[in-house]
């Protein structure tokens, strides 16, 4: 369910879809029907499965550290730093991969995550920030 999640731009709609799919899978595992009206918290306690959104954010943060530490000008680093030549269209801007990281750590996020100790210290705060934002 989370294949390639390191590069996702999480929006509220995508988060809702992930949570809905995970809830449906957990209910199927336990054999619980929606008409049984069992709360999601109880189902999560029975299955001991990690929240998908939390897992996705953790993986994204680890990937951001990996990309920031690249030294040999690979395409992953070049794409992260790339600025398009044309202007973006009118209306609300689409969420980019880097936008929520910049929102959390600022424009100097790459300097902060190059050191693994800082990356691991910041990971939990980043995940908690996301969980509070979408709850």
Protein backbone atom coordinates (compact mmCIF):
# COMPACT_ATOMS: atom_id res chain seq x y z
CA UNK A 1 0.00 0.00 0.00
CA UNK A 2 2.89 2.36 0.61
CA UNK A 3 5.17 1.43 -2.30
CA UNK A 4 7.07 4.52 -3.40
CA UNK A 5 5.60 6.63 -0.60
CA UNK A 6 8.86 8.54 -0.12
CA UNK A 7 8.01 10.73 -3.09
CA UNK A 8 4.35 11.34 -2.41
CA UNK A 9 2.96 14.81 -1.76
CA UNK A 10 0.44 14.17 0.96
CA UNK A 11 -2.77 16.12 0.67
CA UNK A 12 -5.81 15.88 2.93
CA UNK A 13 -7.66 13.93 0.26
CA UNK A 14 -4.85 11.39 -0.10
CA UNK A 15 -4.54 11.03 3.68
CA UNK A 16 -8.26 10.36 3.92
CA UNK A 17 -8.03 7.71 1.19
CA UNK A 18 -5.09 6.02 2.92
CA UNK A 19 -6.90 5.92 6.26
CA UNK A 20 -10.08 4.60 4.66
CA UNK A 21 -8.21 1.85 2.83
CA UNK A 22 -6.26 0.87 5.94
CA UNK A 23 -9.44 0.75 8.02
CA UNK A 24 -11.14 -1.45 5.43
CA UNK A 25 -8.15 -3.80 5.31
CA UNK A 26 -8.01 -4.09 9.10
CA UNK A 27 -11.75 -4.80 9.28
CA UNK A 28 -11.34 -7.49 6.63
CA UNK A 29 -8.43 -9.05 8.55
CA UNK A 30 -10.51 -9.25 11.73
CA UNK A 31 -13.73 -10.21 9.95
CA UNK A 32 -15.63 -7.19 11.26
CA UNK A 33 -18.50 -5.83 9.20
CA UNK A 34 -19.28 -2.09 9.10
CA UNK A 35 -22.72 -2.77 10.61
CA UNK A 36 -21.00 -4.08 13.78
CA UNK A 37 -20.09 -0.43 14.57
CA UNK A 38 -16.69 -1.21 16.12
CA UNK A 39 -14.60 1.99 16.61
CA UNK A 40 -11.40 2.41 14.61
CA UNK A 41 -9.32 2.77 17.78
CA UNK A 42 -10.44 -0.63 19.00
CA UNK A 43 -9.67 -2.23 15.64
CA UNK A 44 -6.21 -0.61 15.60
CA UNK A 45 -5.57 -1.92 19.13
CA UNK A 46 -6.48 -5.45 18.08
CA UNK A 47 -4.34 -5.49 14.93
CA UNK A 48 -1.30 -3.56 16.29
CA UNK A 49 -0.72 -2.16 12.79
CA UNK A 50 1.19 1.11 12.40
CA UNK A 51 -0.82 4.03 11.03
CA UNK A 52 -0.11 4.29 7.30
CA UNK A 53 0.12 8.09 7.30
CA UNK A 54 2.66 8.03 10.11
CA UNK A 55 4.70 5.40 8.26
CA UNK A 56 4.58 7.41 5.01
CA UNK A 57 5.80 10.56 6.74
CA UNK A 58 8.63 8.67 8.44
CA UNK A 59 9.76 7.24 5.11
CA UNK A 60 9.52 10.63 3.42
CA UNK A 61 11.68 12.22 6.12
CA UNK A 62 14.29 9.46 5.75
CA UNK A 63 14.30 9.96 1.96
CA UNK A 64 14.75 13.71 2.40
CA UNK A 65 17.87 13.04 4.47
CA UNK A 66 19.17 10.63 1.85
CA UNK A 67 18.64 13.12 -0.97
CA UNK A 68 20.28 15.93 1.01
CA UNK A 69 23.40 13.81 1.63
CA UNK A 70 23.95 12.95 -2.06
CA UNK A 71 27.26 14.36 -3.27
CA UNK A 72 27.68 13.22 -6.87
CA UNK A 73 24.96 15.30 -8.61
CA UNK A 74 22.57 12.42 -9.26
CA UNK A 75 19.22 13.04 -10.88
CA UNK A 76 17.35 12.76 -7.56
CA UNK A 77 19.21 15.74 -6.17
CA UNK A 78 18.96 17.68 -9.43
CA UNK A 79 15.20 17.18 -9.59
CA UNK A 80 14.82 18.35 -5.98
CA UNK A 81 16.67 21.59 -6.73
CA UNK A 82 15.13 22.12 -10.19
CA UNK A 83 13.21 25.33 -10.82
CA UNK A 84 10.81 25.23 -13.80
CA UNK A 85 11.19 27.90 -16.49
CA UNK A 86 7.47 28.53 -16.95
CA UNK A 87 5.18 30.06 -14.39
CA UNK A 88 2.71 27.92 -12.53
CA UNK A 89 -0.94 28.31 -13.52
CA UNK A 90 -3.46 30.47 -11.69
CA UNK A 91 -5.36 29.21 -8.69
CA UNK A 92 -4.24 27.23 -5.74
CA UNK A 93 -0.76 25.84 -6.20
CA UNK A 94 -0.43 22.07 -6.31
CA UNK A 95 1.40 20.56 -3.39
CA UNK A 96 4.98 19.60 -4.22
CA UNK A 97 7.09 16.97 -2.48
CA UNK A 98 9.31 19.54 -0.83
CA UNK A 99 6.60 21.98 0.29
CA UNK A 100 5.66 20.34 3.58
CA UNK A 101 9.32 19.79 4.50
CA UNK A 102 10.04 23.48 3.85
CA UNK A 103 6.98 24.37 5.91
CA UNK A 104 8.32 22.29 8.82
CA UNK A 105 12.06 23.04 8.74
CA UNK A 106 12.31 26.15 6.57
CA UNK A 107 14.31 26.68 3.41
CA UNK A 108 17.50 25.44 5.09
CA UNK A 109 16.12 21.93 5.64
CA UNK A 110 18.86 20.32 3.54
CA UNK A 111 21.59 21.63 5.80
CA UNK A 112 19.78 20.32 8.88
CA UNK A 113 19.12 16.80 7.58
CA UNK A 114 22.63 16.17 6.25
CA UNK A 115 23.67 15.20 9.76
CA UNK A 116 22.03 11.91 10.69
CA UNK A 117 21.75 12.76 14.39
CA UNK A 118 19.72 15.88 13.64
CA UNK A 119 17.65 13.96 11.13
CA UNK A 120 16.67 11.32 13.68
CA UNK A 121 15.95 13.94 16.35
CA UNK A 122 13.72 15.90 13.98
CA UNK A 123 11.88 12.89 12.55
CA UNK A 124 9.49 12.40 15.45
CA UNK A 125 8.63 16.10 15.57
CA UNK A 126 7.99 16.12 11.84
CA UNK A 127 5.65 13.16 12.09
CA UNK A 128 3.79 14.60 15.09
CA UNK A 129 3.41 17.90 13.27
CA UNK A 130 1.75 16.11 10.37
CA UNK A 131 -0.47 14.03 12.59
CA UNK A 132 -1.72 17.17 14.40
CA UNK A 133 -2.23 19.00 11.12
CA UNK A 134 -4.51 16.39 9.55
CA UNK A 135 -6.37 15.20 12.64
